Every structure is written in C-alpha cells, then in structure tokens.
PDB file of N, CA and C in Angstrom:
ATOM      1  N   MET A   1      -7.219  18.056  15.166  1.00  0.00           N
ATOM      2  CA  MET A   1      -8.443  17.277  15.307  1.00  0.00           C
ATOM      3  C   MET A   1      -8.207  16.217  16.386  1.00  0.00           C
ATOM      4  N   ASP A   2      -9.034  16.232  17.412  1.00  0.00           N
ATOM      5  CA  ASP A   2      -8.924  15.231  18.475  1.00  0.00           C
ATOM      6  C   ASP A   2      -9.686  13.983  18.062  1.00  0.00           C
ATOM      7  N   ILE A   3      -8.959  12.879  17.968  1.00  0.00           N
ATOM      8  CA  ILE A   3      -9.537  11.596  17.591  1.00  0.00           C
ATOM      9  C   ILE A   3      -9.330  10.623  18.749  1.00  0.00           C
ATOM     10  N   LEU A   4     -10.407   9.986  19.154  1.00  0.00           N
ATOM     11  CA  LEU A   4     -10.352   8.945  20.182  1.00  0.00           C
ATOM     12  C   LEU A   4     -10.829   7.663  19.537  1.00  0.00           C
ATOM     13  N   ILE A   5     -10.017   6.621  19.632  1.00  0.00           N
ATOM     14  CA  ILE A   5     -10.409   5.353  19.030  1.00  0.00           C
ATOM     15  C   ILE A   5     -10.295   4.236  20.065  1.00  0.00           C
ATOM     16  N   TYR A   6     -11.389   3.499  20.179  1.00  0.00           N
ATOM     17  CA  TYR A   6     -11.428   2.301  21.017  1.00  0.00           C
ATOM     18  C   TYR A   6     -11.330   1.109  20.086  1.00  0.00           C
ATOM     19  N   LEU A   7     -10.491   0.156  20.457  1.00  0.00           N
ATOM     20  CA  LEU A   7     -10.397  -1.059  19.662  1.00  0.00           C
ATOM     21  C   LEU A   7     -10.038  -2.248  20.527  1.00  0.00           C
ATOM     22  N   TYR A   8     -10.201  -3.413  19.929  1.00  0.00           N
ATOM     23  CA  TYR A   8      -9.815  -4.675  20.552  1.00  0.00           C
ATOM     24  C   TYR A   8      -8.534  -5.078  19.845  1.00  0.00           C
ATOM     25  N   SER A   9      -7.441  -5.182  20.589  1.00  0.00           N
ATOM     26  CA  SER A   9      -6.122  -5.380  19.988  1.00  0.00           C
ATOM     27  C   SER A   9      -5.994  -6.653  19.157  1.00  0.00           C
ATOM     28  N   LYS A  10      -6.845  -7.643  19.378  1.00  0.00           N
ATOM     29  CA  LYS A  10      -6.772  -8.896  18.623  1.00  0.00           C
ATOM     30  C   LYS A  10      -7.677  -8.888  17.381  1.00  0.00           C
ATOM     31  N   CYS A  11      -8.371  -7.783  17.141  1.00  0.00           N
ATOM     32  CA  CYS A  11      -9.345  -7.684  16.055  1.00  0.00           C
ATOM     33  C   CYS A  11      -8.667  -7.209  14.767  1.00  0.00           C
ATOM     34  N   SER A  12      -8.782  -7.994  13.702  1.00  0.00           N
ATOM     35  CA  SER A  12      -8.140  -7.629  12.435  1.00  0.00           C
ATOM     36  C   SER A  12      -8.762  -6.381  11.822  1.00  0.00           C
ATOM     37  N   THR A  13     -10.047  -6.180  12.003  1.00  0.00           N
ATOM     38  CA  THR A  13     -10.700  -4.983  11.487  1.00  0.00           C
ATOM     39  C   THR A  13     -10.157  -3.737  12.201  1.00  0.00           C
ATOM     40  N   CYS A  14      -9.950  -3.853  13.493  1.00  0.00           N
ATOM     41  CA  CYS A  14      -9.383  -2.746  14.261  1.00  0.00           C
ATOM     42  C   CYS A  14      -7.959  -2.443  13.799  1.00  0.00           C
ATOM     43  N   LYS A  15      -7.193  -3.484  13.510  1.00  0.00           N
ATOM     44  CA  LYS A  15      -5.828  -3.296  13.013  1.00  0.00           C
ATOM     45  C   LYS A  15      -5.848  -2.582  11.667  1.00  0.00           C
ATOM     46  N   SER A  16      -6.811  -2.903  10.821  1.00  0.00           N
ATOM     47  CA  SER A  16      -6.947  -2.225   9.524  1.00  0.00           C
ATOM     48  C   SER A  16      -7.256  -0.741   9.719  1.00  0.00           C
ATOM     49  N   ALA A  17      -8.112  -0.447  10.691  1.00  0.00           N
ATOM     50  CA  ALA A  17      -8.458   0.943  10.975  1.00  0.00           C
ATOM     51  C   ALA A  17      -7.234   1.721  11.463  1.00  0.00           C
ATOM     52  N   LEU A  18      -6.436   1.112  12.341  1.00  0.00           N
ATOM     53  CA  LEU A  18      -5.214   1.767  12.828  1.00  0.00           C
ATOM     54  C   LEU A  18      -4.236   2.011  11.689  1.00  0.00           C
ATOM     55  N   HIS A  19      -4.090   1.019  10.833  1.00  0.00           N
ATOM     56  CA  HIS A  19      -3.210   1.146   9.671  1.00  0.00           C
ATOM     57  C   HIS A  19      -3.669   2.320   8.796  1.00  0.00           C
ATOM     58  N   PHE A  20      -4.959   2.429   8.586  1.00  0.00           N
ATOM     59  CA  PHE A  20      -5.545   3.518   7.804  1.00  0.00           C
ATOM     60  C   PHE A  20      -5.139   4.866   8.406  1.00  0.00           C
ATOM     61  N   LEU A  21      -5.311   5.024   9.716  1.00  0.00           N
ATOM     62  CA  LEU A  21      -4.983   6.284  10.389  1.00  0.00           C
ATOM     63  C   LEU A  21      -3.482   6.577  10.309  1.00  0.00           C
ATOM     64  N   GLN A  22      -2.670   5.541  10.499  1.00  0.00           N
ATOM     65  CA  GLN A  22      -1.221   5.719  10.468  1.00  0.00           C
ATOM     66  C   GLN A  22      -0.741   6.109   9.064  1.00  0.00           C
ATOM     67  N   GLN A  23      -1.310   5.492   8.041  1.00  0.00           N
ATOM     68  CA  GLN A  23      -0.939   5.812   6.658  1.00  0.00           C
ATOM     69  C   GLN A  23      -1.212   7.281   6.344  1.00  0.00           C
ATOM     70  N   ARG A  24      -2.258   7.831   6.931  1.00  0.00           N
ATOM     71  CA  ARG A  24      -2.634   9.218   6.682  1.00  0.00           C
ATOM     72  C   ARG A  24      -2.052  10.175   7.721  1.00  0.00           C
ATOM     73  N   LYS A  25      -1.202   9.633   8.584  1.00  0.00           N
ATOM     74  CA  LYS A  25      -0.546  10.427   9.631  1.00  0.00           C
ATOM     75  C   LYS A  25      -1.549  11.218  10.480  1.00  0.00           C
ATOM     76  N   ILE A  26      -2.639  10.545  10.822  1.00  0.00           N
ATOM     77  CA  ILE A  26      -3.673  11.132  11.665  1.00  0.00           C
ATOM     78  C   ILE A  26      -3.367  10.761  13.109  1.00  0.00           C
ATOM     79  N   SER A  27      -3.241  11.764  13.954  1.00  0.00           N
ATOM     80  CA  SER A  27      -2.951  11.473  15.360  1.00  0.00           C
ATOM     81  C   SER A  27      -4.241  11.088  16.077  1.00  0.00           C
ATOM     82  N   TYR A  28      -4.108  10.249  17.077  1.00  0.00           N
ATOM     83  CA  TYR A  28      -5.262   9.728  17.794  1.00  0.00           C
ATOM     84  C   TYR A  28      -4.858   9.294  19.185  1.00  0.00           C
ATOM     85  N   THR A  29      -5.849   9.168  20.031  1.00  0.00           N
ATOM     86  CA  THR A  29      -5.682   8.576  21.349  1.00  0.00           C
ATOM     87  C   THR A  29      -6.317   7.200  21.278  1.00  0.00           C
ATOM     88  N   LEU A  30      -5.581   6.199  21.693  1.00  0.00           N
ATOM     89  CA  LEU A  30      -6.004   4.811  21.578  1.00  0.00           C
ATOM     90  C   LEU A  30      -6.371   4.250  22.948  1.00  0.00           C
ATOM     91  N   LYS A  31      -7.499   3.532  22.986  1.00  0.00           N
ATOM     92  CA  LYS A  31      -7.907   2.851  24.217  1.00  0.00           C
ATOM     93  C   LYS A  31      -8.326   1.426  23.879  1.00  0.00           C
ATOM     94  N   GLU A  32      -7.937   0.507  24.733  1.00  0.00           N
ATOM     95  CA  GLU A  32      -8.327  -0.908  24.588  1.00  0.00           C
ATOM     96  C   GLU A  32      -9.749  -1.051  25.116  1.00  0.00           C
ATOM     97  N   ILE A  33     -10.659  -1.439  24.253  1.00  0.00           N
ATOM     98  CA  ILE A  33     -12.085  -1.473  24.582  1.00  0.00           C
ATOM     99  C   ILE A  33     -12.434  -2.533  25.635  1.00  0.00           C
ATOM    100  N   THR A  34     -11.615  -3.576  25.758  1.00  0.00           N
ATOM    101  CA  THR A  34     -11.915  -4.633  26.726  1.00  0.00           C
ATOM    102  C   THR A  34     -11.591  -4.214  28.154  1.00  0.00           C
ATOM    103  N   THR A  35     -10.603  -3.337  28.316  1.00  0.00           N
ATOM    104  CA  THR A  35     -10.235  -2.906  29.667  1.00  0.00           C
ATOM    105  C   THR A  35     -10.812  -1.539  30.012  1.00  0.00           C
ATOM    106  N   THR A  36     -11.072  -0.727  28.993  1.00  0.00           N
ATOM    107  CA  THR A  36     -11.634   0.615  29.193  1.00  0.00           C
ATOM    108  C   THR A  36     -12.734   0.846  28.163  1.00  0.00           C
ATOM    109  N   PRO A  37     -13.947   0.382  28.426  1.00  0.00           N
ATOM    110  CA  PRO A  37     -15.040   0.628  27.471  1.00  0.00           C
ATOM    111  C   PRO A  37     -15.353   2.122  27.373  1.00  0.00           C
ATOM    112  N   PRO A  38     -15.987   2.542  26.287  1.00  0.00           N
ATOM    113  CA  PRO A  38     -16.390   3.947  26.180  1.00  0.00           C
ATOM    114  C   PRO A  38     -17.278   4.349  27.358  1.00  0.00           C
ATOM    115  N   SER A  39     -17.147   5.604  27.762  1.00  0.00           N
ATOM    116  CA  SER A  39     -17.972   6.123  28.856  1.00  0.00           C
ATOM    117  C   SER A  39     -19.404   6.333  28.371  1.00  0.00           C
ATOM    118  N   ILE A  40     -20.306   6.512  29.317  1.00  0.00           N
ATOM    119  CA  ILE A  40     -21.702   6.800  28.969  1.00  0.00           C
ATOM    120  C   ILE A  40     -21.765   8.060  28.101  1.00  0.00           C
ATOM    121  N   THR A  41     -20.994   9.074  28.443  1.00  0.00           N
ATOM    122  CA  THR A  41     -20.976  10.325  27.667  1.00  0.00           C
ATOM    123  C   THR A  41     -20.511  10.071  26.237  1.00  0.00           C
ATOM    124  N   GLU A  42     -19.460   9.270  26.080  1.00  0.00           N
ATOM    125  CA  GLU A  42     -18.958   8.947  24.735  1.00  0.00           C
ATOM    126  C   GLU A  42     -19.978   8.129  23.952  1.00  0.00           C
ATOM    127  N   LEU A  43     -20.624   7.191  24.615  1.00  0.00           N
ATOM    128  CA  LEU A  43     -21.657   6.388  23.955  1.00  0.00           C
ATOM    129  C   LEU A  43     -22.834   7.275  23.529  1.00  0.00           C
ATOM    130  N   GLN A  44     -23.209   8.218  24.382  1.00  0.00           N
ATOM    131  CA  GLN A  44     -24.305   9.138  24.044  1.00  0.00           C
ATOM    132  C   GLN A  44     -23.933  10.005  22.839  1.00  0.00           C
ATOM    133  N   LYS A  45     -22.685  10.438  22.796  1.00  0.00           N
ATOM    134  CA  LYS A  45     -22.212  11.245  21.662  1.00  0.00           C
ATOM    135  C   LYS A  45     -22.288  10.434  20.370  1.00  0.00           C
ATOM    136  N   MET A  46     -21.826   9.186  20.427  1.00  0.00           N
ATOM    137  CA  MET A  46     -21.894   8.326  19.242  1.00  0.00           C
ATOM    138  C   MET A  46     -23.338   8.087  18.848  1.00  0.00           C
ATOM    139  N   LEU A  47     -24.197   7.885  19.820  1.00  0.00           N
ATOM    140  CA  LEU A  47     -25.615   7.656  19.551  1.00  0.00           C
ATOM    141  C   LEU A  47     -26.217   8.847  18.799  1.00  0.00           C
ATOM    142  N   THR A  48     -25.810  10.045  19.173  1.00  0.00           N
ATOM    143  CA  THR A  48     -26.269  11.244  18.471  1.00  0.00           C
ATOM    144  C   THR A  48     -25.797  11.220  17.015  1.00  0.00           C
ATOM    145  N   PHE A  49     -24.530  10.855  16.804  1.00  0.00           N
ATOM    146  CA  PHE A  49     -23.987  10.788  15.445  1.00  0.00           C
ATOM    147  C   PHE A  49     -24.691   9.709  14.609  1.00  0.00           C
ATOM    148  N   LYS A  50     -25.232   8.700  15.273  1.00  0.00           N
ATOM    149  CA  LYS A  50     -25.908   7.596  14.573  1.00  0.00           C
ATOM    150  C   LYS A  50     -27.428   7.776  14.605  1.00  0.00           C
ATOM    151  N   SER A  51     -27.865   8.996  14.735  1.00  0.00           N
ATOM    152  CA  SER A  51     -29.289   9.370  14.668  1.00  0.00           C
ATOM    153  C   SER A  51     -30.161   8.622  15.671  1.00  0.00           C
ATOM    154  N   GLY A  52     -29.587   8.307  16.830  1.00  0.00           N
ATOM    155  CA  GLY A  52     -30.368   7.688  17.890  1.00  0.00           C
ATOM    156  C   GLY A  52     -30.622   6.197  17.734  1.00  0.00           C
ATOM    157  N   ASP A  53     -29.972   5.555  16.750  1.00  0.00           N
ATOM    158  CA  ASP A  53     -30.170   4.121  16.517  1.00  0.00           C
ATOM    159  C   ASP A  53     -29.232   3.320  17.421  1.00  0.00           C
ATOM    160  N   ILE A  54     -29.720   2.954  18.598  1.00  0.00           N
ATOM    161  CA  ILE A  54     -28.893   2.288  19.607  1.00  0.00           C
ATOM    162  C   ILE A  54     -28.294   0.977  19.100  1.00  0.00           C
ATOM    163  N   LYS A  55     -29.010   0.264  18.250  1.00  0.00           N
ATOM    164  CA  LYS A  55     -28.511  -1.022  17.763  1.00  0.00           C
ATOM    165  C   LYS A  55     -27.186  -0.871  17.012  1.00  0.00           C
ATOM    166  N   LYS A  56     -26.968   0.277  16.379  1.00  0.00           N
ATOM    167  CA  LYS A  56     -25.727   0.501  15.630  1.00  0.00           C
ATOM    168  C   LYS A  56     -24.505   0.500  16.532  1.00  0.00           C
ATOM    169  N   LEU A  57     -24.692   0.750  17.819  1.00  0.00           N
ATOM    170  CA  LEU A  57     -23.569   0.773  18.750  1.00  0.00           C
ATOM    171  C   LEU A  57     -23.165  -0.614  19.222  1.00  0.00           C
ATOM    172  N   PHE A  58     -24.011  -1.593  18.979  1.00  0.00           N
ATOM    173  CA  PHE A  58     -23.749  -2.962  19.446  1.00  0.00           C
ATOM    174  C   PHE A  58     -22.986  -3.787  18.415  1.00  0.00           C
ATOM    175  N   ASN A  59     -22.109  -4.642  18.913  1.00  0.00           N
ATOM    176  CA  ASN A  59     -21.414  -5.625  18.091  1.00  0.00           C
ATOM    177  C   ASN A  59     -22.373  -6.802  17.904  1.00  0.00           C
ATOM    178  N   THR A  60     -23.267  -6.664  16.939  1.00  0.00           N
ATOM    179  CA  THR A  60     -24.349  -7.647  16.763  1.00  0.00           C
ATOM    180  C   THR A  60     -23.843  -9.005  16.283  1.00  0.00           C
ATOM    181  N   SER A  61     -22.610  -9.070  15.797  1.00  0.00           N
ATOM    182  CA  SER A  61     -22.077 -10.367  15.359  1.00  0.00           C
ATOM    183  C   SER A  61     -21.238 -11.042  16.448  1.00  0.00           C
ATOM    184  N   GLY A  62     -21.144 -10.395  17.600  1.00  0.00           N
ATOM    185  CA  GLY A  62     -20.318 -10.937  18.675  1.00  0.00           C
ATOM    186  C   GLY A  62     -20.997 -12.046  19.471  1.00  0.00           C
ATOM    187  N   ILE A  63     -20.187 -12.851  20.099  1.00  0.00           N
ATOM    188  CA  ILE A  63     -20.666 -13.969  20.916  1.00  0.00           C
ATOM    189  C   ILE A  63     -21.526 -13.465  22.079  1.00  0.00           C
ATOM    190  N   LEU A  64     -21.069 -12.413  22.748  1.00  0.00           N
ATOM    191  CA  LEU A  64     -21.818 -11.899  23.898  1.00  0.00           C
ATOM    192  C   LEU A  64     -23.193 -11.397  23.501  1.00  0.00           C
ATOM    193  N   TYR A  65     -23.306 -10.788  22.329  1.00  0.00           N
ATOM    194  CA  TYR A  65     -24.607 -10.302  21.855  1.00  0.00           C
ATOM    195  C   TYR A  65     -25.600 -11.464  21.796  1.00  0.00           C
ATOM    196  N   ARG A  66     -25.121 -12.610  21.303  1.00  0.00           N
ATOM    197  CA  ARG A  66     -25.975 -13.805  21.233  1.00  0.00           C
ATOM    198  C   ARG A  66     -26.203 -14.395  22.621  1.00  0.00           C
ATOM    199  N   GLU A  67     -25.151 -14.472  23.431  1.00  0.00           N
ATOM    200  CA  GLU A  67     -25.286 -15.042  24.783  1.00  0.00           C
ATOM    201  C   GLU A  67     -26.275 -14.246  25.638  1.00  0.00           C
ATOM    202  N   TYR A  68     -26.283 -12.920  25.476  1.00  0.00           N
ATOM    203  CA  TYR A  68     -27.197 -12.065  26.235  1.00  0.00           C
ATOM    204  C   TYR A  68     -28.589 -12.023  25.603  1.00  0.00           C
ATOM    205  N   ASN A  69     -28.745 -12.725  24.479  1.00  0.00           N
ATOM    206  CA  ASN A  69     -30.023 -12.779  23.761  1.00  0.00           C
ATOM    207  C   ASN A  69     -30.536 -11.364  23.436  1.00  0.00           C
ATOM    208  N   LEU A  70     -29.628 -10.511  22.968  1.00  0.00           N
ATOM    209  CA  LEU A  70     -29.976  -9.111  22.753  1.00  0.00           C
ATOM    210  C   LEU A  70     -30.849  -8.881  21.528  1.00  0.00           C
ATOM    211  N   THR A  71     -30.902  -9.833  20.620  1.00  0.00           N
ATOM    212  CA  THR A  71     -31.815  -9.689  19.483  1.00  0.00           C
ATOM    213  C   THR A  71     -33.240  -9.517  19.990  1.00  0.00           C
ATOM    214  N   GLU A  72     -33.576 -10.276  21.029  1.00  0.00           N
ATOM    215  CA  GLU A  72     -34.914 -10.176  21.615  1.00  0.00           C
ATOM    216  C   GLU A  72     -35.016  -9.085  22.674  1.00  0.00           C
ATOM    217  N   LYS A  73     -33.974  -8.917  23.486  1.00  0.00           N
ATOM    218  CA  LYS A  73     -34.041  -7.998  24.625  1.00  0.00           C
ATOM    219  C   LYS A  73     -33.881  -6.526  24.244  1.00  0.00           C
ATOM    220  N   LEU A  74     -33.030  -6.248  23.250  1.00  0.00           N
ATOM    221  CA  LEU A  74     -32.712  -4.858  22.932  1.00  0.00           C
ATOM    222  C   LEU A  74     -33.936  -4.011  22.567  1.00  0.00           C
ATOM    223  N   PRO A  75     -34.875  -4.517  21.772  1.00  0.00           N
ATOM    224  CA  PRO A  75     -36.045  -3.679  21.439  1.00  0.00           C
ATOM    225  C   PRO A  75     -36.875  -3.255  22.651  1.00  0.00           C
ATOM    226  N   ASN A  76     -36.780  -3.997  23.760  1.00  0.00           N
ATOM    227  CA  ASN A  76     -37.557  -3.681  24.960  1.00  0.00           C
ATOM    228  C   ASN A  76     -36.761  -2.898  26.005  1.00  0.00           C
ATOM    229  N   MET A  77     -35.504  -2.608  25.710  1.00  0.00           N
ATOM    230  CA  MET A  77     -34.657  -1.881  26.661  1.00  0.00           C
ATOM    231  C   MET A  77     -34.796  -0.379  26.436  1.00  0.00           C
ATOM    232  N   THR A  78     -34.651   0.380  27.513  1.00  0.00           N
ATOM    233  CA  THR A  78     -34.580   1.834  27.365  1.00  0.00           C
ATOM    234  C   THR A  78     -33.177   2.171  26.845  1.00  0.00           C
ATOM    235  N   VAL A  79     -33.025   3.363  26.330  1.00  0.00           N
ATOM    236  CA  VAL A  79     -31.715   3.804  25.852  1.00  0.00           C
ATOM    237  C   VAL A  79     -30.720   3.808  27.015  1.00  0.00           C
ATOM    238  N   ASP A  80     -31.144   4.272  28.178  1.00  0.00           N
ATOM    239  CA  ASP A  80     -30.252   4.288  29.342  1.00  0.00           C
ATOM    240  C   ASP A  80     -29.788   2.886  29.720  1.00  0.00           C
ATOM    241  N   GLU A  81     -30.708   1.919  29.698  1.00  0.00           N
ATOM    242  CA  GLU A  81     -30.336   0.530  30.004  1.00  0.00           C
ATOM    243  C   GLU A  81     -29.330   0.002  28.983  1.00  0.00           C
ATOM    244  N   ALA A  82     -29.571   0.288  27.717  1.00  0.00           N
ATOM    245  CA  ALA A  82     -28.670  -0.181  26.662  1.00  0.00           C
ATOM    246  C   ALA A  82     -27.290   0.460  26.793  1.00  0.00           C
ATOM    247  N   LEU A  83     -27.246   1.748  27.085  1.00  0.00           N
ATOM    248  CA  LEU A  83     -25.965   2.435  27.248  1.00  0.00           C
ATOM    249  C   LEU A  83     -25.188   1.884  28.441  1.00  0.00           C
ATOM    250  N   LYS A  84     -25.886   1.617  29.536  1.00  0.00           N
ATOM    251  CA  LYS A  84     -25.217   1.053  30.712  1.00  0.00           C
ATOM    252  C   LYS A  84     -24.663  -0.335  30.408  1.00  0.00           C
ATOM    253  N   LEU A  85     -25.401  -1.115  29.629  1.00  0.00           N
ATOM    254  CA  LEU A  85     -24.935  -2.448  29.244  1.00  0.00           C
ATOM    255  C   LEU A  85     -23.685  -2.333  28.372  1.00  0.00           C
ATOM    256  N   LEU A  86     -23.704  -1.439  27.401  1.00  0.00           N
ATOM    257  CA  LEU A  86     -22.541  -1.229  26.537  1.00  0.00           C
ATOM    258  C   LEU A  86     -21.337  -0.783  27.355  1.00  0.00           C
ATOM    259  N   GLN A  87     -21.568   0.117  28.293  1.00  0.00           N
ATOM    260  CA  GLN A  87     -20.474   0.643  29.103  1.00  0.00           C
ATOM    261  C   GLN A  87     -19.913  -0.417  30.049  1.00  0.00           C
ATOM    262  N   SER A  88     -20.716  -1.395  30.405  1.00  0.00           N
ATOM    263  CA  SER A  88     -20.280  -2.428  31.348  1.00  0.00           C
ATOM    264  C   SER A  88     -19.378  -3.481  30.705  1.00  0.00           C
ATOM    265  N   ASN A  89     -19.435  -3.618  29.383  1.00  0.00           N
ATOM    266  CA  ASN A  89     -18.637  -4.649  28.719  1.00  0.00           C
ATOM    267  C   ASN A  89     -18.287  -4.194  27.302  1.00  0.00           C
ATOM    268  N   GLY A  90     -17.032  -3.811  27.115  1.00  0.00           N
ATOM    269  CA  GLY A  90     -16.570  -3.309  25.828  1.00  0.00           C
ATOM    270  C   GLY A  90     -16.736  -4.282  24.675  1.00  0.00           C
ATOM    271  N   MET A  91     -16.818  -5.580  24.968  1.00  0.00           N
ATOM    272  CA  MET A  91     -16.970  -6.562  23.890  1.00  0.00           C
ATOM    273  C   MET A  91     -18.359  -6.486  23.258  1.00  0.00           C
ATOM    274  N   LEU A  92     -19.278  -5.792  23.879  1.00  0.00           N
ATOM    275  CA  LEU A  92     -20.614  -5.603  23.293  1.00  0.00           C
ATOM    276  C   LEU A  92     -20.645  -4.435  22.308  1.00  0.00           C
ATOM    277  N   VAL A  93     -19.610  -3.598  22.340  1.00  0.00           N
ATOM    278  CA  VAL A  93     -19.573  -2.379  21.533  1.00  0.00           C
ATOM    279  C   VAL A  93     -19.006  -2.669  20.147  1.00  0.00           C
ATOM    280  N   LYS A  94     -19.649  -2.133  19.131  1.00  0.00           N
ATOM    281  CA  LYS A  94     -19.156  -2.238  17.760  1.00  0.00           C
ATOM    282  C   LYS A  94     -17.792  -1.569  17.695  1.00  0.00           C
ATOM    283  N   ARG A  95     -16.850  -2.243  17.052  1.00  0.00           N
ATOM    284  CA  ARG A  95     -15.494  -1.710  16.998  1.00  0.00           C
ATOM    285  C   ARG A  95     -14.901  -1.836  15.605  1.00  0.00           C
ATOM    286  N   PRO A  96     -13.936  -0.993  15.299  1.00  0.00           N
ATOM    287  CA  PRO A  96     -13.457   0.107  16.115  1.00  0.00           C
ATOM    288  C   PRO A  96     -14.536   1.161  16.339  1.00  0.00           C
ATOM    289  N   PHE A  97     -14.366   1.873  17.422  1.00  0.00           N
ATOM    290  CA  PHE A  97     -15.290   2.915  17.871  1.00  0.00           C
ATOM    291  C   PHE A  97     -14.484   4.201  17.868  1.00  0.00           C
ATOM    292  N   LEU A  98     -14.725   5.062  16.890  1.00  0.00           N
ATOM    293  CA  LEU A  98     -13.923   6.269  16.729  1.00  0.00           C
ATOM    294  C   LEU A  98     -14.792   7.506  16.916  1.00  0.00           C
ATOM    295  N   LEU A  99     -14.337   8.380  17.797  1.00  0.00           N
ATOM    296  CA  LEU A  99     -15.033   9.643  18.040  1.00  0.00           C
ATOM    297  C   LEU A  99     -14.128  10.811  17.685  1.00  0.00           C
ATOM    298  N   ALA A 100     -14.683  11.739  16.931  1.00  0.00           N
ATOM    299  CA  ALA A 100     -14.039  13.014  16.651  1.00  0.00           C
ATOM    300  C   ALA A 100     -14.991  14.096  17.161  1.00  0.00           C
ATOM    301  N   ALA A 101     -14.595  15.334  17.035  1.00  0.00           N
ATOM    302  CA  ALA A 101     -15.427  16.425  17.556  1.00  0.00           C
ATOM    303  C   ALA A 101     -16.795  16.476  16.883  1.00  0.00           C
ATOM    304  N   ASP A 102     -16.832  16.226  15.582  1.00  0.00           N
ATOM    305  CA  ASP A 102     -18.086  16.408  14.857  1.00  0.00           C
ATOM    306  C   ASP A 102     -18.568  15.184  14.084  1.00  0.00           C
ATOM    307  N   PHE A 103     -17.996  14.030  14.351  1.00  0.00           N
ATOM    308  CA  PHE A 103     -18.480  12.791  13.737  1.00  0.00           C
ATOM    309  C   PHE A 103     -18.006  11.585  14.530  1.00  0.00           C
ATOM    310  N   GLY A 104     -18.644  10.451  14.268  1.00  0.00           N
ATOM    311  CA  GLY A 104     -18.252   9.193  14.886  1.00  0.00           C
ATOM    312  C   GLY A 104     -18.300   8.095  13.846  1.00  0.00           C
ATOM    313  N   LEU A 105     -17.390   7.147  13.955  1.00  0.00           N
ATOM    314  CA  LEU A 105     -17.343   6.006  13.046  1.00  0.00           C
ATOM    315  C   LEU A 105     -17.384   4.719  13.858  1.00  0.00           C
ATOM    316  N   LEU A 106     -18.184   3.769  13.390  1.00  0.00           N
ATOM    317  CA  LEU A 106     -18.279   2.451  14.013  1.00  0.00           C
ATOM    318  C   LEU A 106     -17.929   1.406  12.966  1.00  0.00           C
ATOM    319  N   GLY A 107     -17.073   0.470  13.339  1.00  0.00           N
ATOM    320  CA  GLY A 107     -16.627  -0.515  12.362  1.00  0.00           C
ATOM    321  C   GLY A 107     -15.646   0.146  11.410  1.00  0.00           C
ATOM    322  N   PHE A 108     -15.084  -0.634  10.517  1.00  0.00           N
ATOM    323  CA  PHE A 108     -14.157  -0.065   9.538  1.00  0.00           C
ATOM    324  C   PHE A 108     -14.639  -0.403   8.142  1.00  0.00           C
ATOM    325  N   ARG A 109     -15.259   0.595   7.523  1.00  0.00           N
ATOM    326  CA  ARG A 109     -15.607   0.511   6.103  1.00  0.00           C
ATOM    327  C   ARG A 109     -14.788   1.607   5.438  1.00  0.00           C
ATOM    328  N   GLU A 110     -13.809   1.187   4.653  1.00  0.00           N
ATOM    329  CA  GLU A 110     -12.822   2.122   4.134  1.00  0.00           C
ATOM    330  C   GLU A 110     -13.455   3.314   3.409  1.00  0.00           C
ATOM    331  N   LYS A 111     -14.489   3.083   2.628  1.00  0.00           N
ATOM    332  CA  LYS A 111     -15.139   4.165   1.892  1.00  0.00           C
ATOM    333  C   LYS A 111     -15.639   5.251   2.853  1.00  0.00           C
ATOM    334  N   GLU A 112     -16.263   4.815   3.939  1.00  0.00           N
ATOM    335  CA  GLU A 112     -16.777   5.747   4.949  1.00  0.00           C
ATOM    336  C   GLU A 112     -15.631   6.518   5.622  1.00  0.00           C
ATOM    337  N   TRP A 113     -14.547   5.820   5.905  1.00  0.00           N
ATOM    338  CA  TRP A 113     -13.400   6.447   6.552  1.00  0.00           C
ATOM    339  C   TRP A 113     -12.707   7.419   5.594  1.00  0.00           C
ATOM    340  N   LEU A 114     -12.666   7.091   4.312  1.00  0.00           N
ATOM    341  CA  LEU A 114     -12.084   7.999   3.317  1.00  0.00           C
ATOM    342  C   LEU A 114     -12.851   9.309   3.245  1.00  0.00           C
ATOM    343  N   GLN A 115     -14.171   9.219   3.377  1.00  0.00           N
ATOM    344  CA  GLN A 115     -14.991  10.435   3.378  1.00  0.00           C
ATOM    345  C   GLN A 115     -14.732  11.272   4.630  1.00  0.00           C
ATOM    346  N   ALA A 116     -14.537  10.599   5.750  1.00  0.00           N
ATOM    347  CA  ALA A 116     -14.295  11.296   7.014  1.00  0.00           C
ATOM    348  C   ALA A 116     -12.877  11.887   7.074  1.00  0.00           C
ATOM    349  N   PHE A 117     -11.929  11.193   6.438  1.00  0.00           N
ATOM    350  CA  PHE A 117     -10.522  11.609   6.453  1.00  0.00           C
ATOM    351  C   PHE A 117      -9.992  11.683   5.019  1.00  0.00           C
ATOM    352  N   PRO A 118     -10.433  12.667   4.249  1.00  0.00           N
ATOM    353  CA  PRO A 118      -9.928  12.772   2.881  1.00  0.00           C
ATOM    354  C   PRO A 118      -8.435  13.096   2.878  1.00  0.00           C
ATOM    355  N   LYS A 119      -7.743  12.634   1.855  1.00  0.00           N
ATOM    356  CA  LYS A 119      -6.312  12.942   1.746  1.00  0.00           C
ATOM    357  C   LYS A 119      -6.147  14.430   1.508  1.00  0.00           C
ATOM    358  N   GLU A 120      -5.141  14.970   2.160  1.00  0.00           N
ATOM    359  CA  GLU A 120      -4.899  16.420   2.018  1.00  0.00           C
ATOM    360  C   GLU A 120      -3.921  16.683   0.919  1.00  0.00           C
TER     361      GLU A 120
END
C-alpha cells in the first residue's frame, strides 16, 4: 500500500499520526508540508475523497486562515482558486494530510485511522 503523508514537523498531532503508523509498521513516504505542499493533483484527489468539500482541506484553526480572512473569502472562491491557494502555502492545509490509493485522511482522529488501518 503506497502511503504519502504530509506533516509539519513541529505539530504534535502530526507526531501522533507518525507514531500510529510506526506502531503498526505501516510504510509511508513523508514530506514536510511547509517546504513541499501537496500538489494540485494530490489536493484534487483528497477533495474527491472528502466529497468535494473544499473547506475540509483547510487548516481552519491556523493563524494564516484567519490572517487571509478565509472564513469570508472561501465561500466566494472557485475550487481552482482554493486549490491554488492551498498549494501555495502548506500551512493552510489541514494536517496531517495522508493519501493512499483509495482513501485520504486529514487531521489525526485515532478512531478514523483505526478504521483505515485495522490491525492485521
């Protein structure tokens, strides 16, 4: 199973997600979201997994989300504009951001991750 995970190395939630994967001996490719944000293609794939709800891809509790006034701006943006904004700054992306072939996970909610990665 090819797993790609984007995270912010200083984020405790991201560290919990990595610990989860390591405990289950799940192999993954790791990328630092601040230096290498997800590509437009990866963001589009995640958007599909999240039923087209673009807001789910945003780190709505982040400082940049507030600084960019995205609570007001996001509803008026096209999907392409929102994806380009996410791709331009990884700190706007909800993290950890995990993509597999047939599912995507945003944030770390252990129950959700347990369903995606059941113990063998």
